[in-house]
Amino acid sequence: MKNQIPVVGLVMKSLQAEFFQNMKKAAVEYADKRGDLELKAVGTESQTEIEKQIQLVEELIDQGVNALVVIPIDSKALVAPVVKAVRADIEVINIDIMLDKKLLNMHHIELVFVGPDNEMAAKTVADVLARELGKRGKVIILEGVPGAINAQQRKQGFIKSIEEFGLNLLASETANWETEQAEAIFSELWQKYPDVEGVMCSNDAMAIGVINVLEAAGKTRKIKVIGFDHDKSARPLIKEGKLLATIDCFGSQMAVLGIDYAMRALSGENHKGWIKTKMELITGTK
C-alpha cells in the first residue's frame, strides 16, 4: 500500500442535495467507526458539474489515494479519469450510478458496481401511480441528468409502467435532479397540459419542486406525484398524501458498502460485476 493507513476517496455529486449529505454523513461515521482508514469525502455543488467532478477525481489521484469510491454525474464523462486512476494502481469501486460499460471495456477495465436496479425500482413506484390513475391516465415524466445511466434507467422503468397500464404520456423532460428546475419546468408543462393527472419524478428533490407548484395553486393531491430516494424532507409529504409514493434505495448504505468493498479490494479480494443493493417501496401506508 502507498500509505500505512489506506486512504479512500469518496467522490459524490451535489453536496447541496439531501441524498448526498446523508451519504457523506454515513460514510464519515463508518470510516470513524472502523478506524483503519482515512476517508476523503468530496463532492460537487450541483448535480451538473461534470468538469468539477473530473477535477476532484484527478486531485485525489494526485494525492495518492489507495482507493476511490465513485458516483459519476455523467456515466461516460467520468470513465477517462477512472481509467487514469486504475492505471495509477488505485482500486476503484463504482456505486449508485453505473459507469458506461462499453467505454470501460474499450480500455479493458472491469469494475465492480454496487447499486440498485433503478429500472425495476422505477417501475415499482410508477405502478402505484398507474393503478391510482387507471388506463389512459395522463402523466408527465421529470427526468434526471440525461448523461447519467440511473436517470436513463429510471425513465425506462417509468415507460414500462406507462406501456403496461396504458397511460398517456404527455411529456418527458429533464430537470437535472434539482428542485428549482423542477418547479420551473413543471410550471411550463402544466400550462401546456392543464389536464395532467400524474407526475413521475426521477428523484424526491424534483417531486418536491412539483408539489411546491401544486401547493401554490391549491392543487395538492388532485394531481398525483411520485418520487424516488425517500429523502427525509419528502417523508412528511408521504404522510400528508401530497407525495403518493417513493422508493428507498438506501443511499447512505451504498457509500458504506463502497468503502467496505474498497478496503476488501486493498486486502486482495477481487470483486467484479453487479452487486445489487436493496430497495423498498414507500407509500402513505408504509
C-alpha atoms as a PDB file:
ATOM      1  CA  MET A   1       0.000   0.000   0.000  1.00  0.00           C
ATOM      2  CA  LYS A   2       1.092   3.530  -0.641  1.00  0.00           C
ATOM      3  CA  ASN A   3       0.296   4.584   2.916  1.00  0.00           C
ATOM      4  CA  GLN A   4       0.497   2.816   6.255  1.00  0.00           C
ATOM      5  CA  ILE A   5      -3.181   3.590   6.750  1.00  0.00           C
ATOM      6  CA  PRO A   6      -5.068   3.298   3.448  1.00  0.00           C
ATOM      7  CA  VAL A   7      -6.675   6.453   2.109  1.00  0.00           C
ATOM      8  CA  VAL A   8     -10.057   6.069   0.436  1.00  0.00           C
ATOM      9  CA  GLY A   9     -11.562   8.855  -1.649  1.00  0.00           C
ATOM     10  CA  LEU A  10     -15.348   9.100  -1.910  1.00  0.00           C
ATOM     11  CA  VAL A  11     -16.418  11.196  -4.901  1.00  0.00           C
ATOM     12  CA  MET A  12     -20.072  12.212  -4.808  1.00  0.00           C
ATOM     13  CA  LYS A  13     -22.390  14.534  -6.685  1.00  0.00           C
ATOM     14  CA  SER A  14     -24.074  17.634  -5.299  1.00  0.00           C
ATOM     15  CA  LEU A  15     -23.425  18.039  -1.591  1.00  0.00           C
ATOM     16  CA  GLN A  16     -26.292  20.539  -1.633  1.00  0.00           C
ATOM     17  CA  ALA A  17     -28.626  17.596  -2.163  1.00  0.00           C
ATOM     18  CA  GLU A  18     -30.055  15.889   0.893  1.00  0.00           C
ATOM     19  CA  PHE A  19     -29.378  12.441  -0.582  1.00  0.00           C
ATOM     20  CA  PHE A  20     -25.635  13.059  -0.773  1.00  0.00           C
ATOM     21  CA  GLN A  21     -25.439  14.937   2.513  1.00  0.00           C
ATOM     22  CA  ASN A  22     -26.810  11.815   4.180  1.00  0.00           C
ATOM     23  CA  MET A  23     -24.453   9.627   2.177  1.00  0.00           C
ATOM     24  CA  LYS A  24     -21.426  11.663   3.272  1.00  0.00           C
ATOM     25  CA  LYS A  25     -22.545  11.600   6.915  1.00  0.00           C
ATOM     26  CA  ALA A  26     -22.930   7.811   6.888  1.00  0.00           C
ATOM     27  CA  ALA A  27     -19.574   7.339   5.140  1.00  0.00           C
ATOM     28  CA  VAL A  28     -17.721   9.531   7.636  1.00  0.00           C
ATOM     29  CA  GLU A  29     -19.353   7.762  10.587  1.00  0.00           C
ATOM     30  CA  TYR A  30     -18.480   4.359   9.127  1.00  0.00           C
ATOM     31  CA  ALA A  31     -14.854   5.313   8.480  1.00  0.00           C
ATOM     32  CA  ASP A  32     -14.525   6.692  12.017  1.00  0.00           C
ATOM     33  CA  LYS A  33     -16.048   3.529  13.457  1.00  0.00           C
ATOM     34  CA  ARG A  34     -13.662   1.288  11.508  1.00  0.00           C
ATOM     35  CA  GLY A  35     -10.616   3.359  12.424  1.00  0.00           C
ATOM     36  CA  ASP A  36      -8.413   1.584   9.884  1.00  0.00           C
ATOM     37  CA  LEU A  37      -8.599   4.058   7.016  1.00  0.00           C
ATOM     38  CA  GLU A  38      -8.524   7.740   6.180  1.00  0.00           C
ATOM     39  CA  LEU A  39     -11.584   8.913   4.255  1.00  0.00           C
ATOM     40  CA  LYS A  40     -11.518  11.869   1.903  1.00  0.00           C
ATOM     41  CA  ALA A  41     -15.150  12.614   1.058  1.00  0.00           C
ATOM     42  CA  VAL A  42     -15.682  15.203  -1.686  1.00  0.00           C
ATOM     43  CA  GLY A  43     -18.472  16.299  -3.989  1.00  0.00           C
ATOM     44  CA  THR A  44     -19.683  18.991  -6.336  1.00  0.00           C
ATOM     45  CA  GLU A  45     -22.032  21.841  -5.504  1.00  0.00           C
ATOM     46  CA  SER A  46     -24.645  20.994  -8.126  1.00  0.00           C
ATOM     47  CA  GLN A  47     -25.879  17.918  -9.976  1.00  0.00           C
ATOM     48  CA  THR A  48     -24.435  19.007 -13.328  1.00  0.00           C
ATOM     49  CA  GLU A  49     -20.805  19.989 -12.624  1.00  0.00           C
ATOM     50  CA  ILE A  50     -19.152  17.273 -14.699  1.00  0.00           C
ATOM     51  CA  GLU A  51     -15.812  19.061 -15.144  1.00  0.00           C
ATOM     52  CA  LYS A  52     -15.630  19.814 -11.423  1.00  0.00           C
ATOM     53  CA  GLN A  53     -16.197  16.159 -10.591  1.00  0.00           C
ATOM     54  CA  ILE A  54     -13.474  15.110 -13.033  1.00  0.00           C
ATOM     55  CA  GLN A  55     -11.169  17.594 -11.321  1.00  0.00           C
ATOM     56  CA  LEU A  56     -11.996  16.115  -7.900  1.00  0.00           C
ATOM     57  CA  VAL A  57     -11.090  12.619  -9.111  1.00  0.00           C
ATOM     58  CA  GLU A  58      -7.823  13.834 -10.613  1.00  0.00           C
ATOM     59  CA  GLU A  59      -6.931  15.700  -7.416  1.00  0.00           C
ATOM     60  CA  LEU A  60      -7.416  12.542  -5.372  1.00  0.00           C
ATOM     61  CA  ILE A  61      -5.252  10.613  -7.854  1.00  0.00           C
ATOM     62  CA  ASP A  62      -2.511  13.249  -7.475  1.00  0.00           C
ATOM     63  CA  GLN A  63      -2.809  12.981  -3.691  1.00  0.00           C
ATOM     64  CA  GLY A  64      -2.004   9.282  -3.941  1.00  0.00           C
ATOM     65  CA  VAL A  65      -5.165   7.742  -2.501  1.00  0.00           C
ATOM     66  CA  ASN A  66      -5.244   3.955  -2.346  1.00  0.00           C
ATOM     67  CA  ALA A  67      -8.846   3.574  -3.440  1.00  0.00           C
ATOM     68  CA  LEU A  68     -11.698   5.561  -4.936  1.00  0.00           C
ATOM     69  CA  VAL A  69     -15.438   5.122  -4.486  1.00  0.00           C
ATOM     70  CA  VAL A  70     -17.092   6.984  -7.356  1.00  0.00           C
ATOM     71  CA  ILE A  71     -20.647   8.119  -8.121  1.00  0.00           C
ATOM     72  CA  PRO A  72     -20.441   9.665 -11.606  1.00  0.00           C
ATOM     73  CA  ILE A  73     -22.561  12.645 -12.599  1.00  0.00           C
ATOM     74  CA  ASP A  74     -22.139  11.540 -16.212  1.00  0.00           C
ATOM     75  CA  SER A  75     -21.633   7.829 -16.864  1.00  0.00           C
ATOM     76  CA  LYS A  76     -19.450   8.416 -19.927  1.00  0.00           C
ATOM     77  CA  ALA A  77     -17.520  11.562 -18.997  1.00  0.00           C
ATOM     78  CA  LEU A  78     -16.172  10.061 -15.771  1.00  0.00           C
ATOM     79  CA  VAL A  79     -14.731   6.991 -17.484  1.00  0.00           C
ATOM     80  CA  ALA A  80     -11.488   8.737 -18.533  1.00  0.00           C
ATOM     81  CA  PRO A  81     -10.465   9.894 -15.023  1.00  0.00           C
ATOM     82  CA  VAL A  82     -11.446   6.492 -13.604  1.00  0.00           C
ATOM     83  CA  VAL A  83      -9.253   4.776 -16.198  1.00  0.00           C
ATOM     84  CA  LYS A  84      -6.436   7.106 -15.146  1.00  0.00           C
ATOM     85  CA  ALA A  85      -6.960   6.052 -11.526  1.00  0.00           C
ATOM     86  CA  VAL A  86      -6.924   2.332 -12.360  1.00  0.00           C
ATOM     87  CA  ARG A  87      -3.716   2.751 -14.340  1.00  0.00           C
ATOM     88  CA  ALA A  88      -2.218   4.502 -11.316  1.00  0.00           C
ATOM     89  CA  ASP A  89      -2.883   1.257  -9.355  1.00  0.00           C
ATOM     90  CA  ILE A  90      -5.779   2.780  -7.427  1.00  0.00           C
ATOM     91  CA  GLU A  91      -8.649   0.438  -6.590  1.00  0.00           C
ATOM     92  CA  VAL A  92     -11.920   1.860  -7.930  1.00  0.00           C
ATOM     93  CA  ILE A  93     -15.387   0.938  -6.704  1.00  0.00           C
ATOM     94  CA  ASN A  94     -18.323   2.304  -8.720  1.00  0.00           C
ATOM     95  CA  ILE A  95     -21.514   2.843  -6.687  1.00  0.00           C
ATOM     96  CA  ASP A  96     -25.060   4.171  -7.185  1.00  0.00           C
ATOM     97  CA  ILE A  97     -24.715   5.260 -10.849  1.00  0.00           C
ATOM     98  CA  MET A  98     -23.091   2.825 -13.239  1.00  0.00           C
ATOM     99  CA  LEU A  99     -20.174   3.927 -15.392  1.00  0.00           C
ATOM    100  CA  ASP A 100     -20.503   3.206 -19.103  1.00  0.00           C
ATOM    101  CA  LYS A 101     -19.542  -0.448 -19.600  1.00  0.00           C
ATOM    102  CA  LYS A 102     -18.731  -0.151 -23.295  1.00  0.00           C
ATOM    103  CA  LEU A 103     -16.220   2.621 -22.674  1.00  0.00           C
ATOM    104  CA  LEU A 104     -14.660   0.725 -19.777  1.00  0.00           C
ATOM    105  CA  ASN A 105     -14.386  -2.391 -21.967  1.00  0.00           C
ATOM    106  CA  MET A 106     -12.599  -0.349 -24.623  1.00  0.00           C
ATOM    107  CA  HIS A 107      -9.902   0.253 -22.002  1.00  0.00           C
ATOM    108  CA  HIS A 108     -10.011  -3.417 -20.919  1.00  0.00           C
ATOM    109  CA  ILE A 109     -11.246  -2.442 -17.466  1.00  0.00           C
ATOM    110  CA  GLU A 110     -13.954  -4.201 -15.487  1.00  0.00           C
ATOM    111  CA  LEU A 111     -15.128  -2.679 -12.227  1.00  0.00           C
ATOM    112  CA  VAL A 112     -17.461  -3.896  -9.543  1.00  0.00           C
ATOM    113  CA  PHE A 113     -20.700  -1.909  -9.395  1.00  0.00           C
ATOM    114  CA  VAL A 114     -22.545  -1.601  -6.094  1.00  0.00           C
ATOM    115  CA  GLY A 115     -26.037  -0.217  -6.572  1.00  0.00           C
ATOM    116  CA  PRO A 116     -29.754  -0.794  -7.094  1.00  0.00           C
ATOM    117  CA  ASP A 117     -31.745  -1.962 -10.078  1.00  0.00           C
ATOM    118  CA  ASN A 118     -33.018   1.502 -10.957  1.00  0.00           C
ATOM    119  CA  GLU A 119     -35.247   0.361 -13.791  1.00  0.00           C
ATOM    120  CA  MET A 120     -37.081  -2.189 -11.676  1.00  0.00           C
ATOM    121  CA  ALA A 121     -37.359   0.254  -8.758  1.00  0.00           C
ATOM    122  CA  ALA A 122     -38.754   2.989 -11.002  1.00  0.00           C
ATOM    123  CA  LYS A 123     -41.339   0.632 -12.470  1.00  0.00           C
ATOM    124  CA  THR A 124     -42.336  -0.472  -8.973  1.00  0.00           C
ATOM    125  CA  VAL A 125     -43.128   3.074  -7.830  1.00  0.00           C
ATOM    126  CA  ALA A 126     -44.668   4.041 -11.187  1.00  0.00           C
ATOM    127  CA  ASP A 127     -47.055   1.081 -10.927  1.00  0.00           C
ATOM    128  CA  VAL A 128     -48.529   2.666  -7.782  1.00  0.00           C
ATOM    129  CA  LEU A 129     -49.396   5.798  -9.753  1.00  0.00           C
ATOM    130  CA  ALA A 130     -50.626   3.799 -12.742  1.00  0.00           C
ATOM    131  CA  ARG A 131     -53.060   1.814 -10.598  1.00  0.00           C
ATOM    132  CA  GLU A 132     -54.259   5.036  -8.983  1.00  0.00           C
ATOM    133  CA  LEU A 133     -54.966   6.745 -12.317  1.00  0.00           C
ATOM    134  CA  GLY A 134     -56.206   3.816 -14.365  1.00  0.00           C
ATOM    135  CA  LYS A 135     -55.994   3.295 -18.119  1.00  0.00           C
ATOM    136  CA  ARG A 136     -55.425   6.425 -20.236  1.00  0.00           C
ATOM    137  CA  GLY A 137     -54.338   8.416 -17.184  1.00  0.00           C
ATOM    138  CA  LYS A 138     -52.351  11.455 -18.346  1.00  0.00           C
ATOM    139  CA  VAL A 139     -48.827  11.728 -16.982  1.00  0.00           C
ATOM    140  CA  ILE A 140     -45.614  13.745 -17.235  1.00  0.00           C
ATOM    141  CA  ILE A 141     -42.094  12.457 -16.515  1.00  0.00           C
ATOM    142  CA  LEU A 142     -39.389  14.639 -14.976  1.00  0.00           C
ATOM    143  CA  GLU A 143     -36.022  13.054 -15.731  1.00  0.00           C
ATOM    144  CA  GLY A 144     -32.625  13.295 -14.063  1.00  0.00           C
ATOM    145  CA  VAL A 145     -29.365  14.328 -15.753  1.00  0.00           C
ATOM    146  CA  PRO A 146     -29.543  12.757 -19.257  1.00  0.00           C
ATOM    147  CA  GLY A 147     -25.928  11.562 -19.194  1.00  0.00           C
ATOM    148  CA  ALA A 148     -26.408   9.513 -16.021  1.00  0.00           C
ATOM    149  CA  ILE A 149     -27.294   5.881 -16.584  1.00  0.00           C
ATOM    150  CA  ASN A 150     -29.508   5.781 -13.489  1.00  0.00           C
ATOM    151  CA  ALA A 151     -31.580   8.646 -14.936  1.00  0.00           C
ATOM    152  CA  GLN A 152     -31.969   6.681 -18.162  1.00  0.00           C
ATOM    153  CA  GLN A 153     -32.868   3.512 -16.275  1.00  0.00           C
ATOM    154  CA  ARG A 154     -35.468   5.249 -14.123  1.00  0.00           C
ATOM    155  CA  LYS A 155     -37.093   6.731 -17.208  1.00  0.00           C
ATOM    156  CA  GLN A 156     -37.133   3.266 -18.803  1.00  0.00           C
ATOM    157  CA  GLY A 157     -38.849   1.895 -15.705  1.00  0.00           C
ATOM    158  CA  PHE A 158     -41.479   4.649 -15.864  1.00  0.00           C
ATOM    159  CA  ILE A 159     -42.047   3.980 -19.567  1.00  0.00           C
ATOM    160  CA  LYS A 160     -42.523   0.254 -18.925  1.00  0.00           C
ATOM    161  CA  SER A 161     -45.240   1.016 -16.401  1.00  0.00           C
ATOM    162  CA  ILE A 162     -46.879   3.552 -18.728  1.00  0.00           C
ATOM    163  CA  GLU A 163     -46.984   0.987 -21.537  1.00  0.00           C
ATOM    164  CA  GLU A 164     -48.170  -1.870 -19.337  1.00  0.00           C
ATOM    165  CA  PHE A 165     -51.041   0.109 -17.803  1.00  0.00           C
ATOM    166  CA  GLY A 166     -51.965   2.044 -20.956  1.00  0.00           C
ATOM    167  CA  LEU A 167     -51.248   5.504 -19.592  1.00  0.00           C
ATOM    168  CA  ASN A 168     -50.985   8.577 -21.807  1.00  0.00           C
ATOM    169  CA  LEU A 169     -47.517  10.176 -21.628  1.00  0.00           C
ATOM    170  CA  LEU A 170     -47.918  13.891 -22.317  1.00  0.00           C
ATOM    171  CA  ALA A 171     -44.275  14.958 -21.978  1.00  0.00           C
ATOM    172  CA  SER A 172     -40.889  13.873 -20.626  1.00  0.00           C
ATOM    173  CA  GLU A 173     -38.251  16.492 -19.813  1.00  0.00           C
ATOM    174  CA  THR A 174     -35.172  16.766 -17.641  1.00  0.00           C
ATOM    175  CA  ALA A 175     -34.989  18.889 -14.517  1.00  0.00           C
ATOM    176  CA  ASN A 176     -31.436  17.657 -13.737  1.00  0.00           C
ATOM    177  CA  TRP A 177     -32.405  16.263 -10.307  1.00  0.00           C
ATOM    178  CA  GLU A 178     -32.945  19.830  -8.987  1.00  0.00           C
ATOM    179  CA  THR A 179     -35.960  21.198  -7.084  1.00  0.00           C
ATOM    180  CA  GLU A 180     -35.890  24.707  -8.575  1.00  0.00           C
ATOM    181  CA  GLN A 181     -35.558  23.400 -12.116  1.00  0.00           C
ATOM    182  CA  ALA A 182     -38.467  21.042 -11.491  1.00  0.00           C
ATOM    183  CA  GLU A 183     -40.601  23.965 -10.317  1.00  0.00           C
ATOM    184  CA  ALA A 184     -39.864  25.949 -13.473  1.00  0.00           C
ATOM    185  CA  ILE A 185     -40.233  23.081 -15.919  1.00  0.00           C
ATOM    186  CA  PHE A 186     -43.385  21.641 -14.378  1.00  0.00           C
ATOM    187  CA  SER A 187     -44.969  25.105 -14.301  1.00  0.00           C
ATOM    188  CA  GLU A 188     -44.413  25.396 -18.059  1.00  0.00           C
ATOM    189  CA  LEU A 189     -45.612  21.875 -18.772  1.00  0.00           C
ATOM    190  CA  TRP A 190     -48.710  22.337 -16.625  1.00  0.00           C
ATOM    191  CA  GLN A 191     -49.693  25.386 -18.655  1.00  0.00           C
ATOM    192  CA  LYS A 192     -49.257  23.354 -21.818  1.00  0.00           C
ATOM    193  CA  TYR A 193     -51.026  20.270 -20.423  1.00  0.00           C
ATOM    194  CA  PRO A 194     -53.593  21.511 -17.855  1.00  0.00           C
ATOM    195  CA  ASP A 195     -55.324  18.115 -17.843  1.00  0.00           C
ATOM    196  CA  VAL A 196     -52.263  16.243 -16.492  1.00  0.00           C
ATOM    197  CA  GLU A 197     -53.243  13.791 -13.754  1.00  0.00           C
ATOM    198  CA  GLY A 198     -49.904  12.458 -12.524  1.00  0.00           C
ATOM    199  CA  VAL A 199     -46.200  13.299 -12.445  1.00  0.00           C
ATOM    200  CA  MET A 200     -43.404  10.712 -12.324  1.00  0.00           C
ATOM    201  CA  CYS A 201     -40.281  12.282 -10.833  1.00  0.00           C
ATOM    202  CA  SER A 202     -36.924  10.551 -11.011  1.00  0.00           C
ATOM    203  CA  ASN A 203     -35.977  11.769  -7.532  1.00  0.00           C
ATOM    204  CA  ASP A 204     -37.653  13.281  -4.493  1.00  0.00           C
ATOM    205  CA  ALA A 205     -35.955  16.659  -4.957  1.00  0.00           C
ATOM    206  CA  MET A 206     -37.810  17.131  -8.242  1.00  0.00           C
ATOM    207  CA  ALA A 207     -41.021  15.754  -6.739  1.00  0.00           C
ATOM    208  CA  ILE A 208     -40.785  18.427  -4.035  1.00  0.00           C
ATOM    209  CA  GLY A 209     -40.468  21.042  -6.789  1.00  0.00           C
ATOM    210  CA  VAL A 210     -43.655  19.780  -8.427  1.00  0.00           C
ATOM    211  CA  ILE A 211     -45.502  19.706  -5.094  1.00  0.00           C
ATOM    212  CA  ASN A 212     -44.381  23.291  -4.374  1.00  0.00           C
ATOM    213  CA  VAL A 213     -46.055  24.403  -7.604  1.00  0.00           C
ATOM    214  CA  LEU A 214     -49.202  22.436  -6.827  1.00  0.00           C
ATOM    215  CA  GLU A 215     -49.381  23.821  -3.285  1.00  0.00           C
ATOM    216  CA  ALA A 216     -49.079  27.397  -4.560  1.00  0.00           C
ATOM    217  CA  ALA A 217     -52.036  26.711  -6.877  1.00  0.00           C
ATOM    218  CA  GLY A 218     -54.073  24.888  -4.235  1.00  0.00           C
ATOM    219  CA  LYS A 219     -53.975  21.664  -6.252  1.00  0.00           C
ATOM    220  CA  THR A 220     -52.084  19.265  -3.978  1.00  0.00           C
ATOM    221  CA  ARG A 221     -53.429  15.704  -4.001  1.00  0.00           C
ATOM    222  CA  LYS A 222     -55.509  16.476  -7.112  1.00  0.00           C
ATOM    223  CA  ILE A 223     -52.509  15.780  -9.335  1.00  0.00           C
ATOM    224  CA  LYS A 224     -50.688  12.674  -8.093  1.00  0.00           C
ATOM    225  CA  VAL A 225     -46.915  12.773  -7.712  1.00  0.00           C
ATOM    226  CA  ILE A 226     -44.336  10.018  -7.216  1.00  0.00           C
ATOM    227  CA  GLY A 227     -40.647  10.355  -6.403  1.00  0.00           C
ATOM    228  CA  PHE A 228     -37.528   8.299  -5.813  1.00  0.00           C
ATOM    229  CA  ASP A 229     -34.952   8.231  -2.929  1.00  0.00           C
ATOM    230  CA  HIS A 230     -37.085   8.552   0.237  1.00  0.00           C
ATOM    231  CA  ASP A 231     -35.348  11.764   1.253  1.00  0.00           C
ATOM    232  CA  LYS A 232     -36.043  12.879   4.809  1.00  0.00           C
ATOM    233  CA  SER A 233     -37.633  16.125   3.579  1.00  0.00           C
ATOM    234  CA  ALA A 234     -40.099  14.142   1.449  1.00  0.00           C
ATOM    235  CA  ARG A 235     -41.310  11.878   4.249  1.00  0.00           C
ATOM    236  CA  PRO A 236     -43.874  14.313   5.703  1.00  0.00           C
ATOM    237  CA  LEU A 237     -45.293  14.734   2.187  1.00  0.00           C
ATOM    238  CA  ILE A 238     -45.907  10.989   2.036  1.00  0.00           C
ATOM    239  CA  LYS A 239     -47.745  11.057   5.368  1.00  0.00           C
ATOM    240  CA  GLU A 240     -49.825  14.057   4.263  1.00  0.00           C
ATOM    241  CA  GLY A 241     -50.769  12.393   0.981  1.00  0.00           C
ATOM    242  CA  LYS A 242     -49.045  15.033  -1.138  1.00  0.00           C
ATOM    243  CA  LEU A 243     -46.499  12.510  -2.412  1.00  0.00           C
ATOM    244  CA  LEU A 244     -48.171   9.274  -3.449  1.00  0.00           C
ATOM    245  CA  ALA A 245     -45.096   7.026  -3.259  1.00  0.00           C
ATOM    246  CA  THR A 246     -41.320   6.898  -3.456  1.00  0.00           C
ATOM    247  CA  ILE A 247     -38.519   4.333  -3.417  1.00  0.00           C
ATOM    248  CA  ASP A 248     -35.877   3.928  -0.727  1.00  0.00           C
ATOM    249  CA  CYS A 249     -32.658   2.638  -2.266  1.00  0.00           C
ATOM    250  CA  PHE A 250     -30.673   3.173   0.943  1.00  0.00           C
ATOM    251  CA  GLY A 251     -28.115   5.581  -0.489  1.00  0.00           C
ATOM    252  CA  SER A 252     -26.237   6.010   2.769  1.00  0.00           C
ATOM    253  CA  GLN A 253     -25.707   2.269   2.947  1.00  0.00           C
ATOM    254  CA  MET A 254     -24.328   2.271  -0.616  1.00  0.00           C
ATOM    255  CA  ALA A 255     -21.452   4.538   0.436  1.00  0.00           C
ATOM    256  CA  VAL A 256     -20.722   2.270   3.389  1.00  0.00           C
ATOM    257  CA  LEU A 257     -20.717  -0.773   1.097  1.00  0.00           C
ATOM    258  CA  GLY A 258     -18.494   1.045  -1.374  1.00  0.00           C
ATOM    259  CA  ILE A 259     -15.916   1.794   1.309  1.00  0.00           C
ATOM    260  CA  ASP A 260     -16.139  -1.788   2.566  1.00  0.00           C
ATOM    261  CA  TYR A 261     -15.506  -3.218  -0.914  1.00  0.00           C
ATOM    262  CA  ALA A 262     -12.653  -0.755  -1.422  1.00  0.00           C
ATOM    263  CA  MET A 263     -10.964  -1.987   1.739  1.00  0.00           C
ATOM    264  CA  ARG A 264     -11.568  -5.602   0.756  1.00  0.00           C
ATOM    265  CA  ALA A 265     -10.031  -4.923  -2.652  1.00  0.00           C
ATOM    266  CA  LEU A 266      -6.979  -3.426  -0.972  1.00  0.00           C
ATOM    267  CA  SER A 267      -6.705  -6.643   1.031  1.00  0.00           C
ATOM    268  CA  GLY A 268      -6.507  -8.649  -2.184  1.00  0.00           C
ATOM    269  CA  GLU A 269     -10.133  -9.610  -2.806  1.00  0.00           C
ATOM    270  CA  ASN A 270     -11.275  -9.405  -6.429  1.00  0.00           C
ATOM    271  CA  HIS A 271     -14.885  -8.397  -7.000  1.00  0.00           C
ATOM    272  CA  LYS A 272     -16.445  -7.891 -10.419  1.00  0.00           C
ATOM    273  CA  GLY A 273     -19.905  -7.496 -11.883  1.00  0.00           C
ATOM    274  CA  TRP A 274     -23.004  -6.006 -10.265  1.00  0.00           C
ATOM    275  CA  ILE A 275     -23.626  -6.291  -6.538  1.00  0.00           C
ATOM    276  CA  LYS A 276     -27.284  -5.355  -6.266  1.00  0.00           C
ATOM    277  CA  THR A 277     -28.372  -3.335  -3.262  1.00  0.00           C
ATOM    278  CA  LYS A 278     -31.816  -3.430  -1.659  1.00  0.00           C
ATOM    279  CA  MET A 279     -34.774  -1.182  -2.364  1.00  0.00           C
ATOM    280  CA  GLU A 280     -38.133  -0.623  -0.691  1.00  0.00           C
ATOM    281  CA  LEU A 281     -41.386   0.886  -1.901  1.00  0.00           C
ATOM    282  CA  ILE A 282     -42.638   3.624   0.434  1.00  0.00           C
ATOM    283  CA  THR A 283     -46.279   4.726   0.427  1.00  0.00           C
ATOM    284  CA  GLY A 284     -48.547   6.532   2.866  1.00  0.00           C
ATOM    285  CA  THR A 285     -49.430   3.201   4.452  1.00  0.00           C
ATOM    286  CA  LYS A 286     -45.819   2.140   4.936  1.00  0.00           C
END
